[in-house]
Amino acid sequence: MVLLYRGGRIVAVWLASIVISAINSIPLLPKMMEFVGLGYTGWFVYWYLLFKVPSDIEATKKKIAGTE
């Protein structure tokens, strides 16, 4: 069973490398994908890290202080 999983991983990595090299061979598509990735990263940071973490910190402070 372990050999089957290892073989599956090797095939998956091989197929992923083929797909990535095919995408990289199309003009402008790699730059567009990079732009989409940067946009998603910016959105993730803005939505989850800038607003979620401070509210969690405030909730933890209230729990510790016993004011909740």
PDB file of N, CA and C in Angstrom:
ATOM      1  N   MET A   1       0.823  -1.184   0.000  1.00  0.00           N
ATOM      2  CA  MET A   1       0.000   0.000   0.000  1.00  0.00           C
ATOM      3  C   MET A   1       0.872   1.254   0.000  1.00  0.00           C
ATOM      4  N   VAL A   2       1.964   1.223   0.748  1.00  0.00           N
ATOM      5  CA  VAL A   2       2.860   2.376   0.803  1.00  0.00           C
ATOM      6  C   VAL A   2       3.475   2.638  -0.564  1.00  0.00           C
ATOM      7  N   LEU A   3       3.840   1.580  -1.270  1.00  0.00           N
ATOM      8  CA  LEU A   3       4.413   1.753  -2.607  1.00  0.00           C
ATOM      9  C   LEU A   3       3.401   2.361  -3.573  1.00  0.00           C
ATOM     10  N   LEU A   4       2.140   2.002  -3.398  1.00  0.00           N
ATOM     11  CA  LEU A   4       1.094   2.576  -4.246  1.00  0.00           C
ATOM     12  C   LEU A   4       0.973   4.080  -4.008  1.00  0.00           C
ATOM     13  N   TYR A   5       1.017   4.494  -2.749  1.00  0.00           N
ATOM     14  CA  TYR A   5       0.946   5.926  -2.436  1.00  0.00           C
ATOM     15  C   TYR A   5       2.167   6.671  -2.967  1.00  0.00           C
ATOM     16  N   ARG A   6       3.340   6.074  -2.810  1.00  0.00           N
ATOM     17  CA  ARG A   6       4.554   6.715  -3.335  1.00  0.00           C
ATOM     18  C   ARG A   6       4.485   6.856  -4.846  1.00  0.00           C
ATOM     19  N   GLY A   7       4.030   5.811  -5.513  1.00  0.00           N
ATOM     20  CA  GLY A   7       3.889   5.869  -6.966  1.00  0.00           C
ATOM     21  C   GLY A   7       2.875   6.921  -7.386  1.00  0.00           C
ATOM     22  N   GLY A   8       1.792   7.013  -6.640  1.00  0.00           N
ATOM     23  CA  GLY A   8       0.778   8.027  -6.926  1.00  0.00           C
ATOM     24  C   GLY A   8       1.312   9.431  -6.762  1.00  0.00           C
ATOM     25  N   ARG A   9       2.134   9.629  -5.724  1.00  0.00           N
ATOM     26  CA  ARG A   9       2.736  10.955  -5.520  1.00  0.00           C
ATOM     27  C   ARG A   9       3.678  11.311  -6.650  1.00  0.00           C
ATOM     28  N   ILE A  10       4.459  10.347  -7.080  1.00  0.00           N
ATOM     29  CA  ILE A  10       5.408  10.601  -8.174  1.00  0.00           C
ATOM     30  C   ILE A  10       4.653  10.962  -9.451  1.00  0.00           C
ATOM     31  N   VAL A  11       3.594  10.232  -9.740  1.00  0.00           N
ATOM     32  CA  VAL A  11       2.792  10.526 -10.933  1.00  0.00           C
ATOM     33  C   VAL A  11       2.133  11.900 -10.810  1.00  0.00           C
ATOM     34  N   ALA A  12       1.636  12.248  -9.636  1.00  0.00           N
ATOM     35  CA  ALA A  12       0.991  13.549  -9.434  1.00  0.00           C
ATOM     36  C   ALA A  12       1.978  14.692  -9.633  1.00  0.00           C
ATOM     37  N   VAL A  13       3.189  14.555  -9.105  1.00  0.00           N
ATOM     38  CA  VAL A  13       4.209  15.595  -9.288  1.00  0.00           C
ATOM     39  C   VAL A  13       4.605  15.698 -10.750  1.00  0.00           C
ATOM     40  N   TRP A  14       4.729  14.568 -11.407  1.00  0.00           N
ATOM     41  CA  TRP A  14       5.082  14.566 -12.829  1.00  0.00           C
ATOM     42  C   TRP A  14       4.007  15.265 -13.658  1.00  0.00           C
ATOM     43  N   LEU A  15       2.737  14.939 -13.396  1.00  0.00           N
ATOM     44  CA  LEU A  15       1.642  15.578 -14.125  1.00  0.00           C
ATOM     45  C   LEU A  15       1.565  17.074 -13.823  1.00  0.00           C
ATOM     46  N   ALA A  16       1.788  17.449 -12.574  1.00  0.00           N
ATOM     47  CA  ALA A  16       1.768  18.868 -12.218  1.00  0.00           C
ATOM     48  C   ALA A  16       2.866  19.626 -12.941  1.00  0.00           C
ATOM     49  N   SER A  17       4.043  19.025 -13.063  1.00  0.00           N
ATOM     50  CA  SER A  17       5.129  19.707 -13.774  1.00  0.00           C
ATOM     51  C   SER A  17       4.813  19.863 -15.257  1.00  0.00           C
ATOM     52  N   ILE A  18       4.134  18.884 -15.834  1.00  0.00           N
ATOM     53  CA  ILE A  18       3.729  18.992 -17.242  1.00  0.00           C
ATOM     54  C   ILE A  18       2.710  20.118 -17.421  1.00  0.00           C
ATOM     55  N   VAL A  19       1.736  20.194 -16.523  1.00  0.00           N
ATOM     56  CA  VAL A  19       0.718  21.247 -16.618  1.00  0.00           C
ATOM     57  C   VAL A  19       1.342  22.621 -16.433  1.00  0.00           C
ATOM     58  N   ILE A  20       2.240  22.758 -15.473  1.00  0.00           N
ATOM     59  CA  ILE A  20       2.886  24.052 -15.228  1.00  0.00           C
ATOM     60  C   ILE A  20       3.737  24.470 -16.408  1.00  0.00           C
ATOM     61  N   SER A  21       4.482  23.553 -16.989  1.00  0.00           N
ATOM     62  CA  SER A  21       5.300  23.926 -18.150  1.00  0.00           C
ATOM     63  C   SER A  21       4.421  24.259 -19.353  1.00  0.00           C
ATOM     64  N   ALA A  22       3.262  23.618 -19.488  1.00  0.00           N
ATOM     65  CA  ALA A  22       2.341  23.971 -20.575  1.00  0.00           C
ATOM     66  C   ALA A  22       1.765  25.366 -20.369  1.00  0.00           C
ATOM     67  N   ILE A  23       1.430  25.709 -19.138  1.00  0.00           N
ATOM     68  CA  ILE A  23       0.916  27.052 -18.845  1.00  0.00           C
ATOM     69  C   ILE A  23       1.996  28.096 -19.085  1.00  0.00           C
ATOM     70  N   ASN A  24       3.224  27.789 -18.703  1.00  0.00           N
ATOM     71  CA  ASN A  24       4.316  28.745 -18.886  1.00  0.00           C
ATOM     72  C   ASN A  24       4.655  28.976 -20.347  1.00  0.00           C
ATOM     73  N   SER A  25       4.296  28.053 -21.219  1.00  0.00           N
ATOM     74  CA  SER A  25       4.620  28.223 -22.634  1.00  0.00           C
ATOM     75  C   SER A  25       3.626  29.131 -23.353  1.00  0.00           C
ATOM     76  N   ILE A  26       2.478  29.420 -22.736  1.00  0.00           N
ATOM     77  CA  ILE A  26       1.480  30.303 -23.346  1.00  0.00           C
ATOM     78  C   ILE A  26       1.868  31.752 -23.039  1.00  0.00           C
ATOM     79  N   PRO A  27       1.983  32.602 -24.055  1.00  0.00           N
ATOM     80  CA  PRO A  27       2.376  33.997 -23.818  1.00  0.00           C
ATOM     81  C   PRO A  27       1.359  34.730 -22.940  1.00  0.00           C
ATOM     82  N   LEU A  28       1.852  35.547 -22.052  1.00  0.00           N
ATOM     83  CA  LEU A  28       1.087  36.400 -21.139  1.00  0.00           C
ATOM     84  C   LEU A  28       0.347  35.653 -20.037  1.00  0.00           C
ATOM     85  N   LEU A  29       0.121  34.385 -20.169  1.00  0.00           N
ATOM     86  CA  LEU A  29      -0.625  33.661 -19.140  1.00  0.00           C
ATOM     87  C   LEU A  29       0.141  33.561 -17.816  1.00  0.00           C
ATOM     88  N   PRO A  30       1.457  33.308 -17.820  1.00  0.00           N
ATOM     89  CA  PRO A  30       2.162  33.265 -16.533  1.00  0.00           C
ATOM     90  C   PRO A  30       2.105  34.594 -15.781  1.00  0.00           C
ATOM     91  N   LYS A  31       2.225  35.710 -16.500  1.00  0.00           N
ATOM     92  CA  LYS A  31       2.156  37.019 -15.834  1.00  0.00           C
ATOM     93  C   LYS A  31       0.752  37.279 -15.295  1.00  0.00           C
ATOM     94  N   MET A  32      -0.265  36.854 -16.057  1.00  0.00           N
ATOM     95  CA  MET A  32      -1.635  37.031 -15.598  1.00  0.00           C
ATOM     96  C   MET A  32      -1.895  36.187 -14.345  1.00  0.00           C
ATOM     97  N   MET A  33      -1.389  34.956 -14.341  1.00  0.00           N
ATOM     98  CA  MET A  33      -1.560  34.102 -13.167  1.00  0.00           C
ATOM     99  C   MET A  33      -0.829  34.684 -11.956  1.00  0.00           C
ATOM    100  N   GLU A  34       0.335  35.279 -12.190  1.00  0.00           N
ATOM    101  CA  GLU A  34       1.071  35.925 -11.104  1.00  0.00           C
ATOM    102  C   GLU A  34       0.267  37.103 -10.554  1.00  0.00           C
ATOM    103  N   PHE A  35      -0.350  37.873 -11.436  1.00  0.00           N
ATOM    104  CA  PHE A  35      -1.170  39.004 -11.016  1.00  0.00           C
ATOM    105  C   PHE A  35      -2.379  38.531 -10.210  1.00  0.00           C
ATOM    106  N   VAL A  36      -3.010  37.451 -10.652  1.00  0.00           N
ATOM    107  CA  VAL A  36      -4.151  36.892  -9.917  1.00  0.00           C
ATOM    108  C   VAL A  36      -3.699  36.414  -8.536  1.00  0.00           C
ATOM    109  N   GLY A  37      -2.541  35.780  -8.467  1.00  0.00           N
ATOM    110  CA  GLY A  37      -2.020  35.314  -7.182  1.00  0.00           C
ATOM    111  C   GLY A  37      -1.711  36.454  -6.237  1.00  0.00           C
ATOM    112  N   LEU A  38      -1.138  37.527  -6.764  1.00  0.00           N
ATOM    113  CA  LEU A  38      -0.864  38.697  -5.927  1.00  0.00           C
ATOM    114  C   LEU A  38      -2.162  39.342  -5.451  1.00  0.00           C
ATOM    115  N   GLY A  39      -3.142  39.406  -6.335  1.00  0.00           N
ATOM    116  CA  GLY A  39      -4.437  39.963  -5.941  1.00  0.00           C
ATOM    117  C   GLY A  39      -5.102  39.134  -4.857  1.00  0.00           C
ATOM    118  N   TYR A  40      -5.063  37.826  -4.994  1.00  0.00           N
ATOM    119  CA  TYR A  40      -5.663  36.954  -3.986  1.00  0.00           C
ATOM    120  C   TYR A  40      -4.924  37.072  -2.656  1.00  0.00           C
ATOM    121  N   THR A  41      -3.603  37.163  -2.716  1.00  0.00           N
ATOM    122  CA  THR A  41      -2.824  37.318  -1.490  1.00  0.00           C
ATOM    123  C   THR A  41      -3.180  38.618  -0.789  1.00  0.00           C
ATOM    124  N   GLY A  42      -3.291  39.695  -1.560  1.00  0.00           N
ATOM    125  CA  GLY A  42      -3.680  40.980  -0.972  1.00  0.00           C
ATOM    126  C   GLY A  42      -5.060  40.923  -0.351  1.00  0.00           C
ATOM    127  N   TRP A  43      -6.004  40.290  -1.046  1.00  0.00           N
ATOM    128  CA  TRP A  43      -7.353  40.157  -0.505  1.00  0.00           C
ATOM    129  C   TRP A  43      -7.350  39.333   0.786  1.00  0.00           C
ATOM    130  N   PHE A  44      -6.595  38.236   0.798  1.00  0.00           N
ATOM    131  CA  PHE A  44      -6.536  37.373   1.975  1.00  0.00           C
ATOM    132  C   PHE A  44      -5.983  38.128   3.176  1.00  0.00           C
ATOM    133  N   VAL A  45      -4.899  38.860   2.959  1.00  0.00           N
ATOM    134  CA  VAL A  45      -4.304  39.634   4.055  1.00  0.00           C
ATOM    135  C   VAL A  45      -5.289  40.686   4.542  1.00  0.00           C
ATOM    136  N   TYR A  46      -5.923  41.391   3.628  1.00  0.00           N
ATOM    137  CA  TYR A  46      -6.862  42.448   4.000  1.00  0.00           C
ATOM    138  C   TYR A  46      -8.054  41.880   4.757  1.00  0.00           C
ATOM    139  N   TRP A  47      -8.627  40.802   4.268  1.00  0.00           N
ATOM    140  CA  TRP A  47      -9.863  40.284   4.830  1.00  0.00           C
ATOM    141  C   TRP A  47      -9.646  39.482   6.114  1.00  0.00           C
ATOM    142  N   TYR A  48      -8.635  38.618   6.129  1.00  0.00           N
ATOM    143  CA  TYR A  48      -8.477  37.711   7.264  1.00  0.00           C
ATOM    144  C   TYR A  48      -7.457  38.187   8.288  1.00  0.00           C
ATOM    145  N   LEU A  49      -6.353  38.745   7.858  1.00  0.00           N
ATOM    146  CA  LEU A  49      -5.303  39.080   8.812  1.00  0.00           C
ATOM    147  C   LEU A  49      -5.489  40.458   9.431  1.00  0.00           C
ATOM    148  N   LEU A  50      -5.986  41.414   8.684  1.00  0.00           N
ATOM    149  CA  LEU A  50      -6.136  42.756   9.235  1.00  0.00           C
ATOM    150  C   LEU A  50      -7.353  42.883  10.141  1.00  0.00           C
ATOM    151  N   PHE A  51      -8.393  42.122   9.891  1.00  0.00           N
ATOM    152  CA  PHE A  51      -9.609  42.252  10.686  1.00  0.00           C
ATOM    153  C   PHE A  51      -9.838  41.093  11.641  1.00  0.00           C
ATOM    154  N   LYS A  52      -9.458  39.910  11.260  1.00  0.00           N
ATOM    155  CA  LYS A  52      -9.741  38.736  12.085  1.00  0.00           C
ATOM    156  C   LYS A  52      -8.843  38.689  13.318  1.00  0.00           C
ATOM    157  N   VAL A  53      -7.563  38.906  13.143  1.00  0.00           N
ATOM    158  CA  VAL A  53      -6.612  38.779  14.253  1.00  0.00           C
ATOM    159  C   VAL A  53      -6.869  39.809  15.349  1.00  0.00           C
ATOM    160  N   PRO A  54      -7.041  41.114  15.030  1.00  0.00           N
ATOM    161  CA  PRO A  54      -7.311  42.061  16.118  1.00  0.00           C
ATOM    162  C   PRO A  54      -8.588  41.735  16.885  1.00  0.00           C
ATOM    163  N   SER A  55      -9.625  41.270  16.214  1.00  0.00           N
ATOM    164  CA  SER A  55     -10.851  40.929  16.932  1.00  0.00           C
ATOM    165  C   SER A  55     -10.633  39.711  17.824  1.00  0.00           C
ATOM    166  N   ASP A  56      -9.824  38.761  17.381  1.00  0.00           N
ATOM    167  CA  ASP A  56      -9.507  37.607  18.221  1.00  0.00           C
ATOM    168  C   ASP A  56      -8.693  38.023  19.437  1.00  0.00           C
ATOM    169  N   ILE A  57      -7.777  38.956  19.248  1.00  0.00           N
ATOM    170  CA  ILE A  57      -6.955  39.435  20.364  1.00  0.00           C
ATOM    171  C   ILE A  57      -7.829  40.146  21.386  1.00  0.00           C
ATOM    172  N   GLU A  58      -8.753  40.985  20.906  1.00  0.00           N
ATOM    173  CA  GLU A  58      -9.651  41.692  21.821  1.00  0.00           C
ATOM    174  C   GLU A  58     -10.551  40.708  22.573  1.00  0.00           C
ATOM    175  N   ALA A  59     -11.037  39.687  21.901  1.00  0.00           N
ATOM    176  CA  ALA A  59     -11.880  38.688  22.558  1.00  0.00           C
ATOM    177  C   ALA A  59     -11.088  37.930  23.623  1.00  0.00           C
ATOM    178  N   THR A  60      -9.839  37.617  23.331  1.00  0.00           N
ATOM    179  CA  THR A  60      -8.992  36.926  24.307  1.00  0.00           C
ATOM    180  C   THR A  60      -8.719  37.821  25.508  1.00  0.00           C
ATOM    181  N   LYS A  61      -8.470  39.106  25.270  1.00  0.00           N
ATOM    182  CA  LYS A  61      -8.259  40.050  26.378  1.00  0.00           C
ATOM    183  C   LYS A  61      -9.491  40.114  27.272  1.00  0.00           C
ATOM    184  N   LYS A  62     -10.674  40.144  26.658  1.00  0.00           N
ATOM    185  CA  LYS A  62     -11.910  40.207  27.446  1.00  0.00           C
ATOM    186  C   LYS A  62     -12.119  38.930  28.251  1.00  0.00           C
ATOM    187  N   LYS A  63     -11.772  37.782  27.671  1.00  0.00           N
ATOM    188  CA  LYS A  63     -11.912  36.521  28.402  1.00  0.00           C
ATOM    189  C   LYS A  63     -10.978  36.478  29.603  1.00  0.00           C
ATOM    190  N   ILE A  64      -9.739  36.959  29.407  1.00  0.00           N
ATOM    191  CA  ILE A  64      -8.765  36.950  30.501  1.00  0.00           C
ATOM    192  C   ILE A  64      -9.192  37.911  31.600  1.00  0.00           C
ATOM    193  N   ALA A  65      -9.674  39.088  31.204  1.00  0.00           N
ATOM    194  CA  ALA A  65     -10.079  40.087  32.187  1.00  0.00           C
ATOM    195  C   ALA A  65     -11.400  39.723  32.856  1.00  0.00           C
ATOM    196  N   GLY A  66     -12.159  38.821  32.262  1.00  0.00           N
ATOM    197  CA  GLY A  66     -13.426  38.408  32.841  1.00  0.00           C
ATOM    198  C   GLY A  66     -14.554  39.379  32.566  1.00  0.00           C
ATOM    199  N   THR A  67     -14.388  40.234  31.578  1.00  0.00           N
ATOM    200  CA  THR A  67     -15.429  41.217  31.266  1.00  0.00           C
ATOM    201  C   THR A  67     -16.394  40.720  30.212  1.00  0.00           C
ATOM    202  N   GLU A  68     -16.207  39.527  29.725  1.00  0.00           N
ATOM    203  CA  GLU A  68     -17.091  39.001  28.676  1.00  0.00           C
ATOM    204  C   GLU A  68     -18.218  38.217  29.269  1.00  0.00           C
TER     205      GLU A  68
END
